[in-house]
Amino acid sequence: MKKGNTSSSALTSLFEKIEGLSKPQRIGIYAGVLVVIIGLSIWLLLYPKYDKIGTLEKQLASVQQELAKAKKNAAELNDWRNKMKHKEAQYKQVMRALPENEEIPSLITGISQAGKDAGLEFLLFQPKPESRKDFYAEIPVDISVTGTYHQMVVFMDKVANLPRIVNVRNIKMAPQSKKDGGNTLTTVCQAVTYKFVEQAPVQPKKGGTKKKKR
């Protein structure tokens, strides 16, 4: 007997057995077969999509992590930019307080005029050679004046209010005489102003060596 005839005979026998069952039993069998068919169809159709959805979800999570990292880096970059702007503003403010070379004579004149306006009498007003530091140089002026303590305070206030940085240091006061009750003082100090010093560009070394003379 051929295989096809055997399968057909088996199916016919199966259907005959099913037909011999009661109606509720047949309905149950048909319902179970229908559920299996629907389940297989759903599994075959949707499983590949579920697999793709899982892959896309992993990709989405990875992109979200990269996006969060990029946002954090952007926030830090903006923070550093703001800090840089703040430092640049502070630098410019300090640079405005440091006089240029051509302003030094007028600034020294301003210090002298502040003493005269305060009513002090100058015994010595001697600019000294500048002292180079790092990116700036100090320009000291030795000062010796006579006047009252109040006049000296007024002089200090006027110097503090000059448009450029001036520091008064090494202050020494002594009564000039006992005749006026010690009201007149001789004050020796040093006024120091500052200027910005630009770094000289580094000159490239010339190559080659000189030949020794024989």
N, C-alpha and C. Protein backbone atom coordinates (compact mmCIF):
# COMPACT_ATOMS: atom_id res chain seq x y z
N MET A 1 0.86 -1.20 0.00
CA MET A 1 0.00 0.00 0.00
C MET A 1 0.88 1.23 0.00
N LYS A 2 0.50 2.23 -0.77
CA LYS A 2 1.26 3.46 -0.84
C LYS A 2 1.10 4.28 0.43
N LYS A 3 2.19 5.14 0.67
CA LYS A 3 2.21 5.95 1.88
C LYS A 3 1.08 6.97 1.87
N GLY A 4 0.78 7.57 0.71
CA GLY A 4 -0.27 8.58 0.61
C GLY A 4 -1.62 7.99 0.94
N ASN A 5 -1.90 6.80 0.50
CA ASN A 5 -3.17 6.17 0.79
C ASN A 5 -3.29 5.85 2.27
N THR A 6 -2.14 5.50 2.90
CA THR A 6 -2.15 5.18 4.34
C THR A 6 -2.49 6.42 5.16
N SER A 7 -1.88 7.58 4.77
CA SER A 7 -2.14 8.83 5.50
C SER A 7 -3.59 9.25 5.33
N SER A 8 -4.08 9.11 4.11
CA SER A 8 -5.48 9.48 3.83
C SER A 8 -6.43 8.60 4.62
N SER A 9 -6.12 7.30 4.70
CA SER A 9 -6.96 6.36 5.43
C SER A 9 -6.96 6.68 6.92
N ALA A 10 -5.77 7.09 7.42
CA ALA A 10 -5.65 7.42 8.85
C ALA A 10 -6.48 8.65 9.18
N LEU A 11 -6.44 9.66 8.30
CA LEU A 11 -7.21 10.89 8.53
C LEU A 11 -8.71 10.60 8.48
N THR A 12 -9.06 9.71 7.52
CA THR A 12 -10.48 9.36 7.41
C THR A 12 -10.96 8.66 8.66
N SER A 13 -10.12 7.77 9.17
CA SER A 13 -10.46 7.04 10.40
C SER A 13 -10.57 8.01 11.57
N LEU A 14 -9.63 9.03 11.60
CA LEU A 14 -9.65 10.00 12.70
C LEU A 14 -10.92 10.83 12.67
N PHE A 15 -11.30 11.28 11.47
CA PHE A 15 -12.53 12.07 11.35
C PHE A 15 -13.77 11.25 11.72
N GLU A 16 -13.73 9.96 11.34
CA GLU A 16 -14.87 9.10 11.67
C GLU A 16 -15.02 8.95 13.17
N LYS A 17 -13.84 8.83 13.86
CA LYS A 17 -13.89 8.72 15.32
C LYS A 17 -14.42 10.00 15.94
N ILE A 18 -13.99 11.13 15.37
CA ILE A 18 -14.46 12.41 15.90
C ILE A 18 -15.97 12.56 15.69
N GLU A 19 -16.45 12.14 14.51
CA GLU A 19 -17.87 12.23 14.20
C GLU A 19 -18.67 11.33 15.14
N GLY A 20 -18.02 10.28 15.64
CA GLY A 20 -18.72 9.37 16.54
C GLY A 20 -18.84 9.92 17.95
N LEU A 21 -18.13 11.01 18.23
CA LEU A 21 -18.20 11.59 19.57
C LEU A 21 -19.44 12.43 19.72
N SER A 22 -19.71 12.79 20.95
CA SER A 22 -20.87 13.65 21.21
C SER A 22 -20.57 15.07 20.72
N LYS A 23 -21.62 15.84 20.59
CA LYS A 23 -21.48 17.20 20.07
C LYS A 23 -20.59 18.06 20.95
N PRO A 24 -20.76 18.08 22.27
CA PRO A 24 -19.86 18.90 23.11
C PRO A 24 -18.40 18.49 22.97
N GLN A 25 -18.15 17.16 22.80
CA GLN A 25 -16.78 16.71 22.64
C GLN A 25 -16.20 17.20 21.31
N ARG A 26 -17.05 17.13 20.27
CA ARG A 26 -16.56 17.59 18.97
C ARG A 26 -16.26 19.09 19.00
N ILE A 27 -17.15 19.84 19.65
CA ILE A 27 -16.93 21.31 19.75
C ILE A 27 -15.63 21.60 20.50
N GLY A 28 -15.38 20.84 21.58
CA GLY A 28 -14.15 21.03 22.35
C GLY A 28 -12.91 20.75 21.51
N ILE A 29 -12.98 19.65 20.73
CA ILE A 29 -11.83 19.31 19.89
C ILE A 29 -11.59 20.38 18.84
N TYR A 30 -12.71 20.81 18.18
CA TYR A 30 -12.57 21.84 17.14
C TYR A 30 -12.03 23.15 17.74
N ALA A 31 -12.52 23.50 18.93
CA ALA A 31 -12.06 24.73 19.59
C ALA A 31 -10.58 24.63 19.94
N GLY A 32 -10.15 23.46 20.44
CA GLY A 32 -8.73 23.27 20.79
C GLY A 32 -7.84 23.38 19.57
N VAL A 33 -8.29 22.74 18.46
CA VAL A 33 -7.51 22.82 17.23
C VAL A 33 -7.42 24.26 16.75
N LEU A 34 -8.55 25.00 16.85
CA LEU A 34 -8.57 26.39 16.41
C LEU A 34 -7.61 27.25 17.25
N VAL A 35 -7.63 26.98 18.57
CA VAL A 35 -6.73 27.73 19.46
C VAL A 35 -5.28 27.47 19.12
N VAL A 36 -4.95 26.18 18.83
CA VAL A 36 -3.58 25.83 18.48
C VAL A 36 -3.17 26.52 17.18
N ILE A 37 -4.08 26.52 16.21
CA ILE A 37 -3.78 27.15 14.92
C ILE A 37 -3.54 28.65 15.10
N ILE A 38 -4.45 29.29 15.87
CA ILE A 38 -4.31 30.73 16.11
C ILE A 38 -3.02 31.03 16.87
N GLY A 39 -2.72 30.21 17.89
CA GLY A 39 -1.49 30.41 18.67
C GLY A 39 -0.25 30.28 17.82
N LEU A 40 -0.22 29.22 16.94
CA LEU A 40 0.94 29.06 16.06
C LEU A 40 1.08 30.23 15.10
N SER A 41 -0.07 30.71 14.59
CA SER A 41 -0.04 31.83 13.65
C SER A 41 0.51 33.08 14.32
N ILE A 42 0.01 33.33 15.52
CA ILE A 42 0.48 34.51 16.26
C ILE A 42 1.97 34.40 16.57
N TRP A 43 2.39 33.21 17.02
CA TRP A 43 3.79 33.02 17.37
C TRP A 43 4.69 33.21 16.15
N LEU A 44 4.29 32.63 15.02
CA LEU A 44 5.09 32.74 13.80
C LEU A 44 5.14 34.17 13.26
N LEU A 45 4.03 34.91 13.44
CA LEU A 45 3.98 36.27 12.90
C LEU A 45 4.62 37.30 13.84
N LEU A 46 4.39 37.14 15.15
CA LEU A 46 4.81 38.18 16.09
C LEU A 46 6.18 37.94 16.71
N TYR A 47 6.63 36.69 16.81
CA TYR A 47 7.92 36.43 17.47
C TYR A 47 9.08 37.19 16.82
N PRO A 48 9.19 37.17 15.48
CA PRO A 48 10.28 37.95 14.86
C PRO A 48 10.20 39.43 15.21
N LYS A 49 8.95 39.95 15.31
CA LYS A 49 8.79 41.37 15.64
C LYS A 49 9.20 41.64 17.08
N TYR A 50 8.85 40.68 17.98
CA TYR A 50 9.27 40.84 19.39
C TYR A 50 10.80 40.85 19.48
N ASP A 51 11.42 39.99 18.70
CA ASP A 51 12.87 39.93 18.70
C ASP A 51 13.45 41.25 18.21
N LYS A 52 12.86 41.82 17.17
CA LYS A 52 13.31 43.10 16.62
C LYS A 52 13.06 44.23 17.62
N ILE A 53 11.90 44.15 18.29
CA ILE A 53 11.59 45.17 19.31
C ILE A 53 12.63 45.15 20.43
N GLY A 54 13.04 43.95 20.86
CA GLY A 54 14.06 43.83 21.90
C GLY A 54 15.38 44.45 21.46
N THR A 55 15.76 44.20 20.19
CA THR A 55 17.00 44.79 19.66
C THR A 55 16.90 46.31 19.63
N LEU A 56 15.74 46.82 19.18
CA LEU A 56 15.54 48.27 19.11
C LEU A 56 15.54 48.90 20.50
N GLU A 57 14.98 48.20 21.48
CA GLU A 57 14.98 48.72 22.85
C GLU A 57 16.41 48.83 23.39
N LYS A 58 17.25 47.84 23.09
CA LYS A 58 18.65 47.91 23.51
C LYS A 58 19.35 49.08 22.83
N GLN A 59 19.09 49.26 21.53
CA GLN A 59 19.68 50.39 20.82
C GLN A 59 19.21 51.72 21.39
N LEU A 60 17.92 51.78 21.73
CA LEU A 60 17.36 53.01 22.32
C LEU A 60 18.01 53.32 23.66
N ALA A 61 18.19 52.29 24.49
CA ALA A 61 18.84 52.49 25.79
C ALA A 61 20.27 53.00 25.61
N SER A 62 20.99 52.45 24.62
CA SER A 62 22.36 52.88 24.36
C SER A 62 22.39 54.33 23.89
N VAL A 63 21.47 54.68 22.99
CA VAL A 63 21.40 56.07 22.49
C VAL A 63 21.04 57.03 23.62
N GLN A 64 20.13 56.63 24.49
CA GLN A 64 19.74 57.48 25.61
C GLN A 64 20.92 57.73 26.56
N GLN A 65 21.73 56.68 26.79
CA GLN A 65 22.92 56.85 27.63
C GLN A 65 23.91 57.81 26.99
N GLU A 66 24.12 57.67 25.68
CA GLU A 66 25.03 58.57 24.97
C GLU A 66 24.49 60.01 25.00
N LEU A 67 23.16 60.15 24.85
CA LEU A 67 22.55 61.47 24.88
C LEU A 67 22.72 62.12 26.26
N ALA A 68 22.50 61.32 27.31
CA ALA A 68 22.67 61.85 28.67
C ALA A 68 24.12 62.26 28.91
N LYS A 69 25.06 61.47 28.41
CA LYS A 69 26.47 61.81 28.56
C LYS A 69 26.80 63.07 27.78
N ALA A 70 26.23 63.20 26.57
CA ALA A 70 26.48 64.40 25.76
C ALA A 70 25.92 65.65 26.44
N LYS A 71 24.72 65.52 27.03
CA LYS A 71 24.12 66.64 27.74
C LYS A 71 24.97 67.05 28.93
N LYS A 72 25.50 66.06 29.64
CA LYS A 72 26.36 66.35 30.80
C LYS A 72 27.63 67.06 30.36
N ASN A 73 28.24 66.56 29.26
CA ASN A 73 29.44 67.20 28.75
C ASN A 73 29.16 68.62 28.28
N ALA A 74 27.98 68.81 27.64
CA ALA A 74 27.60 70.15 27.18
C ALA A 74 27.42 71.10 28.35
N ALA A 75 26.79 70.59 29.42
CA ALA A 75 26.60 71.43 30.61
C ALA A 75 27.93 71.81 31.24
N GLU A 76 28.86 70.82 31.31
CA GLU A 76 30.18 71.10 31.86
C GLU A 76 30.95 72.08 30.97
N LEU A 77 30.78 71.93 29.65
CA LEU A 77 31.46 72.84 28.72
C LEU A 77 30.95 74.27 28.89
N ASN A 78 29.63 74.41 29.02
CA ASN A 78 29.06 75.74 29.24
C ASN A 78 29.54 76.33 30.56
N ASP A 79 29.66 75.46 31.57
CA ASP A 79 30.15 75.92 32.87
C ASP A 79 31.58 76.42 32.76
N TRP A 80 32.42 75.66 32.04
CA TRP A 80 33.80 76.09 31.85
C TRP A 80 33.90 77.35 31.02
N ARG A 81 33.03 77.48 30.03
CA ARG A 81 33.02 78.71 29.22
C ARG A 81 32.66 79.92 30.08
N ASN A 82 31.68 79.74 30.95
CA ASN A 82 31.29 80.84 31.85
C ASN A 82 32.43 81.20 32.79
N LYS A 83 33.13 80.16 33.30
CA LYS A 83 34.27 80.42 34.18
C LYS A 83 35.38 81.15 33.42
N MET A 84 35.60 80.74 32.16
CA MET A 84 36.63 81.40 31.36
C MET A 84 36.27 82.87 31.12
N LYS A 85 35.00 83.14 30.82
CA LYS A 85 34.56 84.52 30.61
C LYS A 85 34.76 85.34 31.88
N HIS A 86 34.45 84.71 33.04
CA HIS A 86 34.62 85.41 34.32
C HIS A 86 36.09 85.72 34.56
N LYS A 87 36.97 84.74 34.30
CA LYS A 87 38.40 84.95 34.50
C LYS A 87 38.95 86.00 33.53
N GLU A 88 38.46 85.97 32.29
CA GLU A 88 38.89 86.96 31.31
C GLU A 88 38.47 88.36 31.73
N ALA A 89 37.25 88.47 32.29
CA ALA A 89 36.79 89.78 32.77
C ALA A 89 37.65 90.26 33.93
N GLN A 90 38.01 89.33 34.85
CA GLN A 90 38.88 89.70 35.96
C GLN A 90 40.26 90.12 35.45
N TYR A 91 40.77 89.38 34.46
CA TYR A 91 42.08 89.69 33.90
C TYR A 91 42.06 91.09 33.27
N LYS A 92 41.02 91.38 32.49
CA LYS A 92 40.93 92.69 31.86
C LYS A 92 40.82 93.81 32.90
N GLN A 93 40.08 93.51 33.98
CA GLN A 93 39.95 94.51 35.05
C GLN A 93 41.30 94.79 35.70
N VAL A 94 42.07 93.73 35.95
CA VAL A 94 43.40 93.92 36.54
C VAL A 94 44.31 94.65 35.56
N MET A 95 44.22 94.28 34.27
CA MET A 95 45.06 94.93 33.28
C MET A 95 44.75 96.41 33.15
N ARG A 96 43.47 96.78 33.31
CA ARG A 96 43.11 98.20 33.28
C ARG A 96 43.72 98.94 34.46
N ALA A 97 43.93 98.22 35.57
CA ALA A 97 44.51 98.85 36.76
C ALA A 97 46.03 98.98 36.67
N LEU A 98 46.66 98.25 35.73
CA LEU A 98 48.10 98.35 35.55
C LEU A 98 48.38 99.37 34.45
N PRO A 99 49.14 100.41 34.75
CA PRO A 99 49.37 101.46 33.75
C PRO A 99 50.29 101.00 32.64
N GLU A 100 50.13 101.59 31.48
CA GLU A 100 51.06 101.36 30.37
C GLU A 100 52.30 102.22 30.58
N ASN A 101 53.32 101.97 29.78
CA ASN A 101 54.58 102.71 29.93
C ASN A 101 54.39 104.21 29.84
N GLU A 102 53.57 104.64 28.86
CA GLU A 102 53.40 106.07 28.65
C GLU A 102 52.60 106.74 29.77
N GLU A 103 51.93 105.95 30.61
CA GLU A 103 51.13 106.51 31.69
C GLU A 103 51.92 106.67 32.98
N ILE A 104 53.09 106.07 33.07
CA ILE A 104 53.87 106.09 34.31
C ILE A 104 54.22 107.52 34.74
N PRO A 105 54.74 108.37 33.86
CA PRO A 105 55.08 109.73 34.31
C PRO A 105 53.88 110.50 34.87
N SER A 106 52.74 110.40 34.19
CA SER A 106 51.56 111.11 34.67
C SER A 106 51.06 110.53 35.98
N LEU A 107 51.24 109.20 36.17
CA LEU A 107 50.82 108.57 37.42
C LEU A 107 51.70 109.04 38.58
N ILE A 108 53.01 109.12 38.33
CA ILE A 108 53.92 109.61 39.36
C ILE A 108 53.59 111.07 39.70
N THR A 109 53.26 111.83 38.67
CA THR A 109 52.85 113.22 38.90
C THR A 109 51.57 113.26 39.73
N GLY A 110 50.66 112.30 39.48
CA GLY A 110 49.41 112.24 40.24
C GLY A 110 49.66 111.95 41.71
N ILE A 111 50.65 111.09 42.00
CA ILE A 111 51.00 110.80 43.40
C ILE A 111 51.52 112.06 44.09
N SER A 112 52.41 112.78 43.37
CA SER A 112 52.95 114.02 43.93
C SER A 112 51.85 115.05 44.16
N GLN A 113 50.93 115.16 43.20
CA GLN A 113 49.84 116.13 43.32
C GLN A 113 48.90 115.77 44.46
N ALA A 114 48.70 114.46 44.72
CA ALA A 114 47.85 114.03 45.83
C ALA A 114 48.42 114.49 47.15
N GLY A 115 49.78 114.44 47.29
CA GLY A 115 50.41 114.93 48.52
C GLY A 115 50.26 116.42 48.69
N LYS A 116 50.43 117.17 47.59
CA LYS A 116 50.29 118.62 47.66
C LYS A 116 48.85 119.01 47.99
N ASP A 117 47.87 118.31 47.37
CA ASP A 117 46.46 118.61 47.65
C ASP A 117 46.10 118.31 49.11
N ALA A 118 46.80 117.34 49.71
CA ALA A 118 46.54 117.01 51.11
C ALA A 118 47.20 118.00 52.06
N GLY A 119 48.06 118.88 51.53
CA GLY A 119 48.72 119.88 52.37
C GLY A 119 50.07 119.44 52.89
N LEU A 120 50.62 118.36 52.34
CA LEU A 120 51.92 117.88 52.79
C LEU A 120 53.04 118.67 52.11
N GLU A 121 54.17 118.77 52.80
CA GLU A 121 55.36 119.40 52.24
C GLU A 121 56.37 118.30 51.92
N PHE A 122 56.79 118.24 50.67
CA PHE A 122 57.70 117.19 50.23
C PHE A 122 59.14 117.55 50.55
N LEU A 123 59.82 116.65 51.23
CA LEU A 123 61.25 116.75 51.46
C LEU A 123 62.02 115.91 50.46
N LEU A 124 61.38 114.81 50.00
CA LEU A 124 61.99 113.91 49.02
C LEU A 124 60.91 113.27 48.18
N PHE A 125 61.14 113.27 46.89
CA PHE A 125 60.24 112.56 45.96
C PHE A 125 61.13 112.02 44.85
N GLN A 126 61.57 110.78 44.98
CA GLN A 126 62.59 110.22 44.11
C GLN A 126 62.15 108.88 43.51
N PRO A 127 61.78 108.88 42.21
CA PRO A 127 61.47 107.61 41.54
C PRO A 127 62.72 106.74 41.47
N LYS A 128 62.54 105.43 41.68
CA LYS A 128 63.63 104.47 41.67
C LYS A 128 63.53 103.58 40.42
N PRO A 129 64.61 102.90 40.06
CA PRO A 129 64.54 101.98 38.91
C PRO A 129 63.47 100.90 39.12
N GLU A 130 62.83 100.53 38.03
CA GLU A 130 61.78 99.51 38.13
C GLU A 130 62.37 98.14 38.46
N SER A 131 61.57 97.33 39.15
CA SER A 131 61.98 95.99 39.56
C SER A 131 61.10 94.97 38.85
N ARG A 132 61.71 94.16 37.99
CA ARG A 132 60.97 93.19 37.18
C ARG A 132 60.55 91.99 38.04
N LYS A 133 59.29 91.62 37.95
CA LYS A 133 58.78 90.43 38.64
C LYS A 133 58.47 89.35 37.61
N ASP A 134 57.22 88.88 37.58
CA ASP A 134 56.85 87.83 36.63
C ASP A 134 56.31 88.46 35.36
N PHE A 135 55.02 88.77 35.36
CA PHE A 135 54.42 89.41 34.19
C PHE A 135 54.23 90.90 34.40
N TYR A 136 54.80 91.43 35.49
CA TYR A 136 54.68 92.86 35.77
C TYR A 136 55.99 93.36 36.36
N ALA A 137 56.08 94.69 36.48
CA ALA A 137 57.26 95.32 37.07
C ALA A 137 56.80 96.33 38.11
N GLU A 138 57.54 96.44 39.21
CA GLU A 138 57.26 97.42 40.24
C GLU A 138 58.07 98.69 39.96
N ILE A 139 57.42 99.84 40.14
CA ILE A 139 58.09 101.12 39.96
C ILE A 139 57.97 101.88 41.28
N PRO A 140 59.00 101.83 42.12
CA PRO A 140 58.92 102.46 43.45
C PRO A 140 59.31 103.94 43.40
N VAL A 141 58.75 104.68 44.34
CA VAL A 141 59.08 106.10 44.50
C VAL A 141 59.32 106.34 45.99
N ASP A 142 60.54 106.76 46.34
CA ASP A 142 60.85 107.08 47.74
C ASP A 142 60.27 108.46 48.06
N ILE A 143 59.55 108.53 49.18
CA ILE A 143 58.87 109.77 49.56
C ILE A 143 59.21 110.12 51.01
N SER A 144 59.44 111.39 51.23
CA SER A 144 59.60 111.93 52.58
C SER A 144 58.83 113.24 52.64
N VAL A 145 57.87 113.33 53.55
CA VAL A 145 57.01 114.52 53.64
C VAL A 145 56.85 114.94 55.09
N THR A 146 56.43 116.18 55.27
CA THR A 146 56.06 116.67 56.60
C THR A 146 54.62 117.15 56.54
N GLY A 147 53.92 116.96 57.66
CA GLY A 147 52.53 117.36 57.75
C GLY A 147 51.87 116.70 58.94
N THR A 148 50.62 116.99 59.13
CA THR A 148 49.90 116.39 60.26
C THR A 148 49.47 114.97 59.91
N TYR A 149 49.06 114.26 60.95
CA TYR A 149 48.56 112.89 60.75
C TYR A 149 47.32 112.91 59.86
N HIS A 150 46.45 113.89 60.06
CA HIS A 150 45.23 113.99 59.25
C HIS A 150 45.59 114.22 57.78
N GLN A 151 46.58 115.09 57.51
CA GLN A 151 47.00 115.33 56.13
C GLN A 151 47.56 114.06 55.49
N MET A 152 48.26 113.28 56.29
CA MET A 152 48.81 112.02 55.77
C MET A 152 47.69 111.04 55.44
N VAL A 153 46.67 111.00 56.27
CA VAL A 153 45.52 110.13 56.00
C VAL A 153 44.81 110.55 54.73
N VAL A 154 44.66 111.89 54.54
CA VAL A 154 44.03 112.39 53.30
C VAL A 154 44.87 112.00 52.09
N PHE A 155 46.19 112.10 52.21
CA PHE A 155 47.09 111.70 51.11
C PHE A 155 46.90 110.22 50.77
N MET A 156 46.85 109.37 51.77
CA MET A 156 46.65 107.93 51.55
C MET A 156 45.33 107.66 50.83
N ASP A 157 44.30 108.38 51.23
CA ASP A 157 42.99 108.19 50.62
C ASP A 157 43.01 108.61 49.15
N LYS A 158 43.67 109.72 48.86
CA LYS A 158 43.75 110.18 47.47
C LYS A 158 44.55 109.21 46.61
N VAL A 159 45.62 108.65 47.17
CA VAL A 159 46.41 107.67 46.42
C VAL A 159 45.59 106.41 46.16
N ALA A 160 44.80 105.99 47.17
CA ALA A 160 43.98 104.79 47.01
C ALA A 160 42.92 104.97 45.94
N ASN A 161 42.50 106.22 45.70
CA ASN A 161 41.45 106.49 44.72
C ASN A 161 41.99 106.84 43.34
N LEU A 162 43.31 106.74 43.15
CA LEU A 162 43.87 106.96 41.81
C LEU A 162 43.36 105.87 40.87
N PRO A 163 43.24 106.17 39.57
CA PRO A 163 42.67 105.18 38.63
C PRO A 163 43.54 103.95 38.44
N ARG A 164 44.81 104.01 38.83
CA ARG A 164 45.71 102.87 38.69
C ARG A 164 46.15 102.39 40.06
N ILE A 165 46.71 101.17 40.10
CA ILE A 165 47.12 100.58 41.37
C ILE A 165 48.38 101.28 41.90
N VAL A 166 48.29 101.78 43.11
CA VAL A 166 49.44 102.35 43.81
C VAL A 166 49.40 101.83 45.25
N ASN A 167 50.50 101.26 45.68
CA ASN A 167 50.61 100.72 47.03
C ASN A 167 51.63 101.53 47.81
N VAL A 168 51.26 101.96 49.01
CA VAL A 168 52.17 102.71 49.88
C VAL A 168 52.66 101.76 50.97
N ARG A 169 53.98 101.61 51.08
CA ARG A 169 54.53 100.65 52.03
C ARG A 169 55.72 101.27 52.78
N ASN A 170 56.22 100.52 53.74
CA ASN A 170 57.38 100.94 54.54
C ASN A 170 57.15 102.33 55.16
N ILE A 171 55.99 102.50 55.76
CA ILE A 171 55.64 103.81 56.33
C ILE A 171 56.29 103.97 57.70
N LYS A 172 57.00 105.06 57.88
CA LYS A 172 57.61 105.39 59.17
C LYS A 172 57.28 106.84 59.50
N MET A 173 56.71 107.07 60.69
CA MET A 173 56.32 108.41 61.13
C MET A 173 57.08 108.79 62.39
N ALA A 174 57.47 110.04 62.46
CA ALA A 174 58.16 110.55 63.65
C ALA A 174 57.80 112.02 63.83
N PRO A 175 57.63 112.49 65.07
CA PRO A 175 57.35 113.91 65.29
C PRO A 175 58.49 114.77 64.76
N GLN A 176 58.11 115.87 64.07
CA GLN A 176 59.14 116.74 63.52
C GLN A 176 59.80 117.59 64.61
N SER A 177 58.97 118.11 65.55
CA SER A 177 59.50 118.90 66.65
C SER A 177 58.51 118.86 67.80
N LYS A 178 58.96 119.26 68.96
CA LYS A 178 58.10 119.29 70.13
C LYS A 178 57.45 120.65 70.33
N LYS A 179 57.81 121.63 69.50
CA LYS A 179 57.28 122.99 69.67
C LYS A 179 55.78 123.04 69.41
N ASP A 180 55.29 122.30 68.40
CA ASP A 180 53.85 122.32 68.06
C ASP A 180 53.10 121.18 68.73
N GLY A 181 53.73 120.62 69.79
CA GLY A 181 53.07 119.54 70.51
C GLY A 181 53.11 118.22 69.77
N GLY A 182 54.01 118.11 68.80
CA GLY A 182 54.14 116.85 68.06
C GLY A 182 53.07 116.65 67.01
N ASN A 183 52.37 117.74 66.64
CA ASN A 183 51.31 117.59 65.62
C ASN A 183 51.88 117.39 64.23
N THR A 184 53.04 118.02 63.97
CA THR A 184 53.67 117.88 62.66
C THR A 184 54.57 116.66 62.66
N LEU A 185 54.34 115.80 61.67
CA LEU A 185 55.08 114.55 61.57
C LEU A 185 55.95 114.54 60.32
N THR A 186 57.07 113.87 60.44
CA THR A 186 57.90 113.57 59.26
C THR A 186 57.62 112.11 58.90
N THR A 187 57.11 111.92 57.69
CA THR A 187 56.73 110.57 57.24
C THR A 187 57.62 110.15 56.08
N VAL A 188 58.22 109.00 56.25
CA VAL A 188 59.02 108.39 55.19
C VAL A 188 58.30 107.14 54.72
N CYS A 189 58.10 107.00 53.42
CA CYS A 189 57.41 105.83 52.87
C CYS A 189 57.86 105.60 51.44
N GLN A 190 57.30 104.57 50.87
CA GLN A 190 57.60 104.26 49.46
C GLN A 190 56.28 103.96 48.74
N ALA A 191 56.01 104.74 47.71
CA ALA A 191 54.84 104.49 46.88
C ALA A 191 55.26 103.61 45.70
N VAL A 192 54.51 102.55 45.48
CA VAL A 192 54.86 101.59 44.43
C VAL A 192 53.70 101.46 43.46
N THR A 193 53.98 101.70 42.20
CA THR A 193 52.99 101.42 41.17
C THR A 193 53.51 100.27 40.30
N TYR A 194 52.68 99.80 39.41
CA TYR A 194 53.00 98.58 38.67
C TYR A 194 52.68 98.78 37.20
N LYS A 195 53.37 98.05 36.36
CA LYS A 195 53.04 98.04 34.93
C LYS A 195 53.14 96.62 34.41
N PHE A 196 52.35 96.36 33.40
CA PHE A 196 52.34 95.05 32.77
C PHE A 196 53.55 94.92 31.85
N VAL A 197 54.20 93.76 31.93
CA VAL A 197 55.38 93.51 31.09
C VAL A 197 55.06 92.38 30.13
N GLU A 198 55.06 92.67 28.87
CA GLU A 198 54.80 91.64 27.86
C GLU A 198 56.02 90.73 27.72
N GLN A 199 55.73 89.44 27.60
CA GLN A 199 56.81 88.48 27.42
C GLN A 199 57.39 88.63 26.02
N ALA A 200 58.70 88.73 25.95
CA ALA A 200 59.35 88.84 24.65
C ALA A 200 59.26 87.52 23.91
N PRO A 201 58.97 87.55 22.61
CA PRO A 201 58.90 86.29 21.86
C PRO A 201 60.24 85.59 21.84
N VAL A 202 60.18 84.27 21.95
CA VAL A 202 61.40 83.46 21.95
C VAL A 202 61.97 83.40 20.55
N GLN A 203 63.23 83.84 20.41
CA GLN A 203 63.88 83.83 19.11
C GLN A 203 64.40 82.43 18.81
N PRO A 204 64.12 81.91 17.63
CA PRO A 204 64.63 80.58 17.28
C PRO A 204 66.14 80.59 17.18
N LYS A 205 66.75 79.51 17.67
CA LYS A 205 68.20 79.40 17.62
C LYS A 205 68.64 79.14 16.18
N LYS A 206 69.71 79.83 15.82
CA LYS A 206 70.24 79.63 14.48
C LYS A 206 70.96 78.30 14.40
N GLY A 207 70.66 77.55 13.37
CA GLY A 207 71.28 76.24 13.21
C GLY A 207 72.68 76.33 12.68
N GLY A 208 73.36 75.24 12.78
CA GLY A 208 74.73 75.19 12.24
C GLY A 208 75.75 75.60 13.27
N THR A 209 76.93 75.19 13.10
CA THR A 209 78.04 75.54 13.98
C THR A 209 79.14 76.19 13.18
N LYS A 210 79.84 77.07 13.85
CA LYS A 210 80.94 77.76 13.16
C LYS A 210 82.12 76.81 12.99
N LYS A 211 82.75 76.95 11.87
CA LYS A 211 83.94 76.13 11.60
C LYS A 211 85.12 76.68 12.37
N LYS A 212 85.85 75.82 12.96
CA LYS A 212 87.04 76.23 13.69
C LYS A 212 88.15 76.58 12.70
N LYS A 213 88.82 77.67 13.02
CA LYS A 213 89.94 78.09 12.20
C LYS A 213 91.15 77.20 12.50
N ARG A 214 91.81 76.82 11.45
CA ARG A 214 93.00 76.01 11.63
C ARG A 214 94.22 76.92 11.89
